[in-house]
Each structure stands twice: as structure tokens, then as C-alpha cells.
C-alpha atoms as a PDB file:
ATOM      1  CA  UNK A   1      36.955  31.935   2.387  1.00  0.00           C
ATOM      2  CA  UNK A   2      37.125  28.150   2.174  1.00  0.00           C
ATOM      3  CA  UNK A   3      35.103  27.842   5.372  1.00  0.00           C
ATOM      4  CA  UNK A   4      32.137  29.645   3.771  1.00  0.00           C
ATOM      5  CA  UNK A   5      32.298  27.377   0.722  1.00  0.00           C
ATOM      6  CA  UNK A   6      32.246  24.153   2.759  1.00  0.00           C
ATOM      7  CA  UNK A   7      28.581  24.399   3.853  1.00  0.00           C
ATOM      8  CA  UNK A   8      27.491  25.083   0.277  1.00  0.00           C
ATOM      9  CA  UNK A   9      29.674  22.281  -1.050  1.00  0.00           C
ATOM     10  CA  UNK A  10      28.321  19.880   1.584  1.00  0.00           C
ATOM     11  CA  UNK A  11      24.734  20.784   0.615  1.00  0.00           C
ATOM     12  CA  UNK A  12      25.425  20.208  -3.087  1.00  0.00           C
ATOM     13  CA  UNK A  13      27.094  16.853  -2.438  1.00  0.00           C
ATOM     14  CA  UNK A  14      24.429  15.630  -0.007  1.00  0.00           C
ATOM     15  CA  UNK A  15      21.442  16.663  -2.154  1.00  0.00           C
ATOM     16  CA  UNK A  16      21.676  13.542  -4.392  1.00  0.00           C
ATOM     17  CA  UNK A  17      21.756  11.346  -1.274  1.00  0.00           C
ATOM     18  CA  UNK A  18      18.580  13.016  -0.002  1.00  0.00           C
ATOM     19  CA  UNK A  19      16.878  12.316  -3.324  1.00  0.00           C
ATOM     20  CA  UNK A  20      17.638   8.608  -2.915  1.00  0.00           C
ATOM     21  CA  UNK A  21      16.032   8.721   0.546  1.00  0.00           C
ATOM     22  CA  UNK A  22      12.574   9.130  -1.026  1.00  0.00           C
ATOM     23  CA  UNK A  23      12.258   5.435  -1.758  1.00  0.00           C
ATOM     24  CA  UNK A  24       8.844   3.860  -2.081  1.00  0.00           C
ATOM     25  CA  UNK A  25       7.251   1.187   0.096  1.00  0.00           C
ATOM     26  CA  UNK A  26       5.838  -1.771  -1.849  1.00  0.00           C
ATOM     27  CA  UNK A  27       3.565  -4.653  -0.926  1.00  0.00           C
ATOM     28  CA  UNK A  28       3.749  -7.790  -3.061  1.00  0.00           C
ATOM     29  CA  UNK A  29       0.574  -9.930  -3.008  1.00  0.00           C
ATOM     30  CA  UNK A  30       2.298 -13.096  -1.765  1.00  0.00           C
ATOM     31  CA  UNK A  31       3.866 -11.285   1.203  1.00  0.00           C
ATOM     32  CA  UNK A  32       0.578 -10.266   2.830  1.00  0.00           C
ATOM     33  CA  UNK A  33      -0.734 -11.620   6.114  1.00  0.00           C
ATOM     34  CA  UNK A  34      -4.160 -13.046   5.347  1.00  0.00           C
ATOM     35  CA  UNK A  35      -6.979 -12.450   7.823  1.00  0.00           C
ATOM     36  CA  UNK A  36      -8.426 -15.552   9.488  1.00  0.00           C
ATOM     37  CA  UNK A  37     -11.861 -14.897   7.928  1.00  0.00           C
ATOM     38  CA  UNK A  38     -10.304 -15.454   4.492  1.00  0.00           C
ATOM     39  CA  UNK A  39      -8.826 -18.886   5.136  1.00  0.00           C
ATOM     40  CA  UNK A  40      -9.984 -21.368   2.522  1.00  0.00           C
ATOM     41  CA  UNK A  41     -11.182 -18.818  -0.049  1.00  0.00           C
ATOM     42  CA  UNK A  42      -7.986 -17.207  -1.347  1.00  0.00           C
ATOM     43  CA  UNK A  43      -5.040 -18.079  -3.538  1.00  0.00           C
ATOM     44  CA  UNK A  44      -1.754 -16.147  -3.274  1.00  0.00           C
ATOM     45  CA  UNK A  45       1.532 -16.173  -5.099  1.00  0.00           C
ATOM     46  CA  UNK A  46       4.292 -13.662  -5.776  1.00  0.00           C
ATOM     47  CA  UNK A  47       2.265 -11.658  -8.297  1.00  0.00           C
ATOM     48  CA  UNK A  48      -1.367 -12.042  -7.317  1.00  0.00           C
ATOM     49  CA  UNK A  49      -3.903 -12.474  -4.541  1.00  0.00           C
ATOM     50  CA  UNK A  50      -7.347 -13.628  -5.610  1.00  0.00           C
ATOM     51  CA  UNK A  51     -10.195 -16.054  -5.010  1.00  0.00           C
ATOM     52  CA  UNK A  52      -9.506 -19.778  -5.247  1.00  0.00           C
ATOM     53  CA  UNK A  53     -11.926 -22.343  -6.671  1.00  0.00           C
ATOM     54  CA  UNK A  54     -14.011 -22.526  -3.455  1.00  0.00           C
ATOM     55  CA  UNK A  55     -16.862 -20.524  -4.999  1.00  0.00           C
ATOM     56  CA  UNK A  56     -16.950 -18.029  -2.132  1.00  0.00           C
ATOM     57  CA  UNK A  57     -18.235 -14.486  -2.371  1.00  0.00           C
ATOM     58  CA  UNK A  58     -16.966 -13.530   1.091  1.00  0.00           C
ATOM     59  CA  UNK A  59     -14.444 -10.677   1.181  1.00  0.00           C
ATOM     60  CA  UNK A  60     -10.731 -11.529   1.195  1.00  0.00           C
ATOM     61  CA  UNK A  61      -8.784  -9.350   3.650  1.00  0.00           C
ATOM     62  CA  UNK A  62      -4.995  -9.128   3.812  1.00  0.00           C
ATOM     63  CA  UNK A  63      -2.678  -6.799   5.728  1.00  0.00           C
ATOM     64  CA  UNK A  64       0.858  -5.439   5.568  1.00  0.00           C
ATOM     65  CA  UNK A  65       2.992  -3.744   8.170  1.00  0.00           C
ATOM     66  CA  UNK A  66       3.991  -0.399   6.686  1.00  0.00           C
ATOM     67  CA  UNK A  67       7.674   0.313   7.339  1.00  0.00           C
ATOM     68  CA  UNK A  68       9.863   3.359   6.846  1.00  0.00           C
ATOM     69  CA  UNK A  69      12.040   2.563   3.839  1.00  0.00           C
ATOM     70  CA  UNK A  70      13.889   5.895   4.127  1.00  0.00           C
ATOM     71  CA  UNK A  71      15.270   5.522   7.656  1.00  0.00           C
ATOM     72  CA  UNK A  72      14.366   9.134   8.488  1.00  0.00           C
ATOM     73  CA  UNK A  73      10.924   8.567  10.038  1.00  0.00           C
ATOM     74  CA  UNK A  74       9.149  11.015   7.745  1.00  0.00           C
ATOM     75  CA  UNK A  75       9.271   9.451   4.282  1.00  0.00           C
ATOM     76  CA  UNK A  76       7.357  12.226   2.531  1.00  0.00           C
ATOM     77  CA  UNK A  77       5.008   9.850   0.739  1.00  0.00           C
ATOM     78  CA  UNK A  78       1.903  11.557  -0.606  1.00  0.00           C
ATOM     79  CA  UNK A  79       0.533   8.941  -3.004  1.00  0.00           C
ATOM     80  CA  UNK A  80      -0.661   5.351  -2.822  1.00  0.00           C
ATOM     81  CA  UNK A  81      -0.884   3.116  -5.855  1.00  0.00           C
ATOM     82  CA  UNK A  82      -3.122   0.079  -6.274  1.00  0.00           C
ATOM     83  CA  UNK A  83      -2.492  -2.595  -8.870  1.00  0.00           C
ATOM     84  CA  UNK A  84      -5.580  -4.674  -9.616  1.00  0.00           C
ATOM     85  CA  UNK A  85      -7.721  -6.522 -12.101  1.00  0.00           C
ATOM     86  CA  UNK A  86     -11.365  -5.588 -11.550  1.00  0.00           C
ATOM     87  CA  UNK A  87     -13.387  -6.758 -14.560  1.00  0.00           C
ATOM     88  CA  UNK A  88     -16.897  -5.873 -13.408  1.00  0.00           C
ATOM     89  CA  UNK A  89     -19.164  -3.641 -11.313  1.00  0.00           C
ATOM     90  CA  UNK A  90     -19.763  -6.854  -9.324  1.00  0.00           C
ATOM     91  CA  UNK A  91     -16.206  -6.812  -7.941  1.00  0.00           C
ATOM     92  CA  UNK A  92     -13.865  -4.441  -6.100  1.00  0.00           C
ATOM     93  CA  UNK A  93     -10.244  -4.338  -4.950  1.00  0.00           C
ATOM     94  CA  UNK A  94      -9.341  -1.725  -2.343  1.00  0.00           C
ATOM     95  CA  UNK A  95      -6.344  -0.675  -0.263  1.00  0.00           C
ATOM     96  CA  UNK A  96      -6.531   1.435   2.889  1.00  0.00           C
ATOM     97  CA  UNK A  97      -3.732   2.917   4.985  1.00  0.00           C
ATOM     98  CA  UNK A  98      -4.265   3.075   8.751  1.00  0.00           C
ATOM     99  CA  UNK A  99      -2.344   4.988  11.417  1.00  0.00           C
ATOM    100  CA  UNK A 100      -2.271   3.722  15.005  1.00  0.00           C
ATOM    101  CA  UNK A 101      -1.039   6.415  17.394  1.00  0.00           C
ATOM    102  CA  UNK A 102       0.878   5.597  20.611  1.00  0.00           C
ATOM    103  CA  UNK A 103      -2.386   5.633  22.607  1.00  0.00           C
ATOM    104  CA  UNK A 104      -3.963   3.031  20.310  1.00  0.00           C
ATOM    105  CA  UNK A 105      -6.314   5.324  18.403  1.00  0.00           C
ATOM    106  CA  UNK A 106      -6.790   4.133  14.800  1.00  0.00           C
ATOM    107  CA  UNK A 107      -7.457   6.429  11.858  1.00  0.00           C
ATOM    108  CA  UNK A 108      -7.676   5.758   8.148  1.00  0.00           C
ATOM    109  CA  UNK A 109      -5.376   8.148   6.278  1.00  0.00           C
ATOM    110  CA  UNK A 110      -5.923   6.889   2.746  1.00  0.00           C
ATOM    111  CA  UNK A 111      -8.062   4.676   0.555  1.00  0.00           C
ATOM    112  CA  UNK A 112      -7.800   3.680  -3.085  1.00  0.00           C
ATOM    113  CA  UNK A 113     -10.259   1.459  -4.947  1.00  0.00           C
ATOM    114  CA  UNK A 114     -10.063  -0.266  -8.291  1.00  0.00           C
ATOM    115  CA  UNK A 115     -11.990   0.768 -11.355  1.00  0.00           C
ATOM    116  CA  UNK A 116     -13.699  -1.646 -13.724  1.00  0.00           C
ATOM    117  CA  UNK A 117     -11.295  -2.607 -16.483  1.00  0.00           C
ATOM    118  CA  UNK A 118     -10.702  -5.471 -18.876  1.00  0.00           C
ATOM    119  CA  UNK A 119      -6.989  -5.225 -18.056  1.00  0.00           C
ATOM    120  CA  UNK A 120      -4.799  -5.127 -14.959  1.00  0.00           C
ATOM    121  CA  UNK A 121      -4.676  -1.438 -14.085  1.00  0.00           C
ATOM    122  CA  UNK A 122      -2.838   0.796 -11.641  1.00  0.00           C
ATOM    123  CA  UNK A 123      -4.681   3.549  -9.843  1.00  0.00           C
ATOM    124  CA  UNK A 124      -3.060   6.318  -7.832  1.00  0.00           C
ATOM    125  CA  UNK A 125      -4.789   8.106  -4.967  1.00  0.00           C
ATOM    126  CA  UNK A 126      -3.564  10.766  -2.526  1.00  0.00           C
ATOM    127  CA  UNK A 127      -2.843  10.073   1.125  1.00  0.00           C
ATOM    128  CA  UNK A 128      -5.017  12.261   3.372  1.00  0.00           C
ATOM    129  CA  UNK A 129      -2.330  12.788   6.036  1.00  0.00           C
ATOM    130  CA  UNK A 130       1.440  12.721   6.363  1.00  0.00           C
ATOM    131  CA  UNK A 131       3.190   9.587   7.581  1.00  0.00           C
ATOM    132  CA  UNK A 132       5.402  10.200  10.606  1.00  0.00           C
ATOM    133  CA  UNK A 133       7.061   7.264  12.340  1.00  0.00           C
ATOM    134  CA  UNK A 134       9.012   9.640  14.613  1.00  0.00           C
ATOM    135  CA  UNK A 135       5.823  10.463  16.558  1.00  0.00           C
ATOM    136  CA  UNK A 136       5.561   6.825  17.673  1.00  0.00           C
ATOM    137  CA  UNK A 137       2.856   6.005  15.142  1.00  0.00           C
ATOM    138  CA  UNK A 138       2.485   2.537  13.632  1.00  0.00           C
ATOM    139  CA  UNK A 139       1.038   2.099  10.145  1.00  0.00           C
ATOM    140  CA  UNK A 140      -0.621  -0.748   8.256  1.00  0.00           C
ATOM    141  CA  UNK A 141      -2.000  -1.297   4.786  1.00  0.00           C
ATOM    142  CA  UNK A 142      -5.182  -3.336   4.401  1.00  0.00           C
ATOM    143  CA  UNK A 143      -6.242  -4.960   1.144  1.00  0.00           C
ATOM    144  CA  UNK A 144      -9.796  -6.140   0.523  1.00  0.00           C
ATOM    145  CA  UNK A 145     -11.020  -8.082  -2.481  1.00  0.00           C
ATOM    146  CA  UNK A 146     -14.746  -8.524  -2.905  1.00  0.00           C
ATOM    147  CA  UNK A 147     -17.236  -9.833  -5.404  1.00  0.00           C
ATOM    148  CA  UNK A 148     -20.984 -10.377  -5.420  1.00  0.00           C
ATOM    149  CA  UNK A 149     -20.928 -13.243  -7.914  1.00  0.00           C
ATOM    150  CA  UNK A 150     -18.530 -16.054  -8.741  1.00  0.00           C
ATOM    151  CA  UNK A 151     -18.786 -15.097 -12.421  1.00  0.00           C
ATOM    152  CA  UNK A 152     -16.015 -12.507 -11.814  1.00  0.00           C
ATOM    153  CA  UNK A 153     -12.517 -13.011 -10.444  1.00  0.00           C
ATOM    154  CA  UNK A 154     -10.899  -9.784  -9.210  1.00  0.00           C
ATOM    155  CA  UNK A 155      -7.143  -9.886  -8.557  1.00  0.00           C
ATOM    156  CA  UNK A 156      -4.870  -7.778  -6.352  1.00  0.00           C
ATOM    157  CA  UNK A 157      -1.455  -7.328  -8.006  1.00  0.00           C
ATOM    158  CA  UNK A 158       0.329  -5.004  -5.570  1.00  0.00           C
ATOM    159  CA  UNK A 159       0.469  -1.775  -3.608  1.00  0.00           C
ATOM    160  CA  UNK A 160       2.979   1.046  -3.422  1.00  0.00           C
ATOM    161  CA  UNK A 161       3.363   4.239  -1.402  1.00  0.00           C
ATOM    162  CA  UNK A 162       5.588   6.986  -2.712  1.00  0.00           C
END
């Protein structure tokens, strides 16, 4: 009788541990790797990535290596979240998630763009495909900040996958 109870008891005790395994991946602005084309036009710190005083309207591009924070290889993330300040139709902040398969083929599996707002806002968007590190895939998150006039100053404040 006790032998039949053990599997049920093990499941009940391990269920809370499995819930903890669904941790999110986060990308802080100051931790990004900035693309060479953006040198001289950006300013980064712990809480923001934005244009510096150079007066450029070229696009700022930054990237993150997406890592499995669960340790299981299939984190179960379905949503990406963008934190940004986008004060005008003349500016845009966007994040994209890319999958690189073992043969080197690249596919975008998610994109999330900012919406015009007078405040820093968070926007959630669905991922278009499951993330699976166990298949040998490599993932990256790309951030782009753009503006068509120096009268606006869009700011990237962070990204999260959960």
C-alpha cells in the first residue's frame, strides 16, 4: 500500500519545484552587446538604452544571448515583454527573438514593438514558436531603437520572456 502512495506523494512534493522552474529571462539595457553600426550614437546604463547627444537618427541595434534560465531546455515561455518610452509616431523601439538551428538557418520567432505613449510602458506580445534548447538551437534577442527626427528621444528600458 505504501508503495502506491509514494509516486503520488513524490508528484505532490515535486510540483512546487516544477512551478519554480518557469523562471523568466530578462535583458537589462546596460547588459546588451551594441552593434558596431551604433557606436557613437547611443548611451547605456543599467536602466536605459537611448540616443546620446550626437544628433543621429540612425537606428541603434543591440543584442542579447538568450539563455535557458530553467535548466530543462524547454522553458515554456510563450510571451515577450518590451519596456520602452516611445513618445511619438516619429520613433520606435522593437525587440525580436531569433532562433538559429544547428545548420545555421535563422528564423524570427517573435517581435514586439512599442506604442506611442507619454510614459514608459510595457507591452506584451506572443512568441510565434516554442523555444527548445534541447534541439541544439541557439537564440538571441535583438533590440532596435529608431527615430526620424532628433526632436524625440525613445528609450529602451528592458525585455523579458516568460
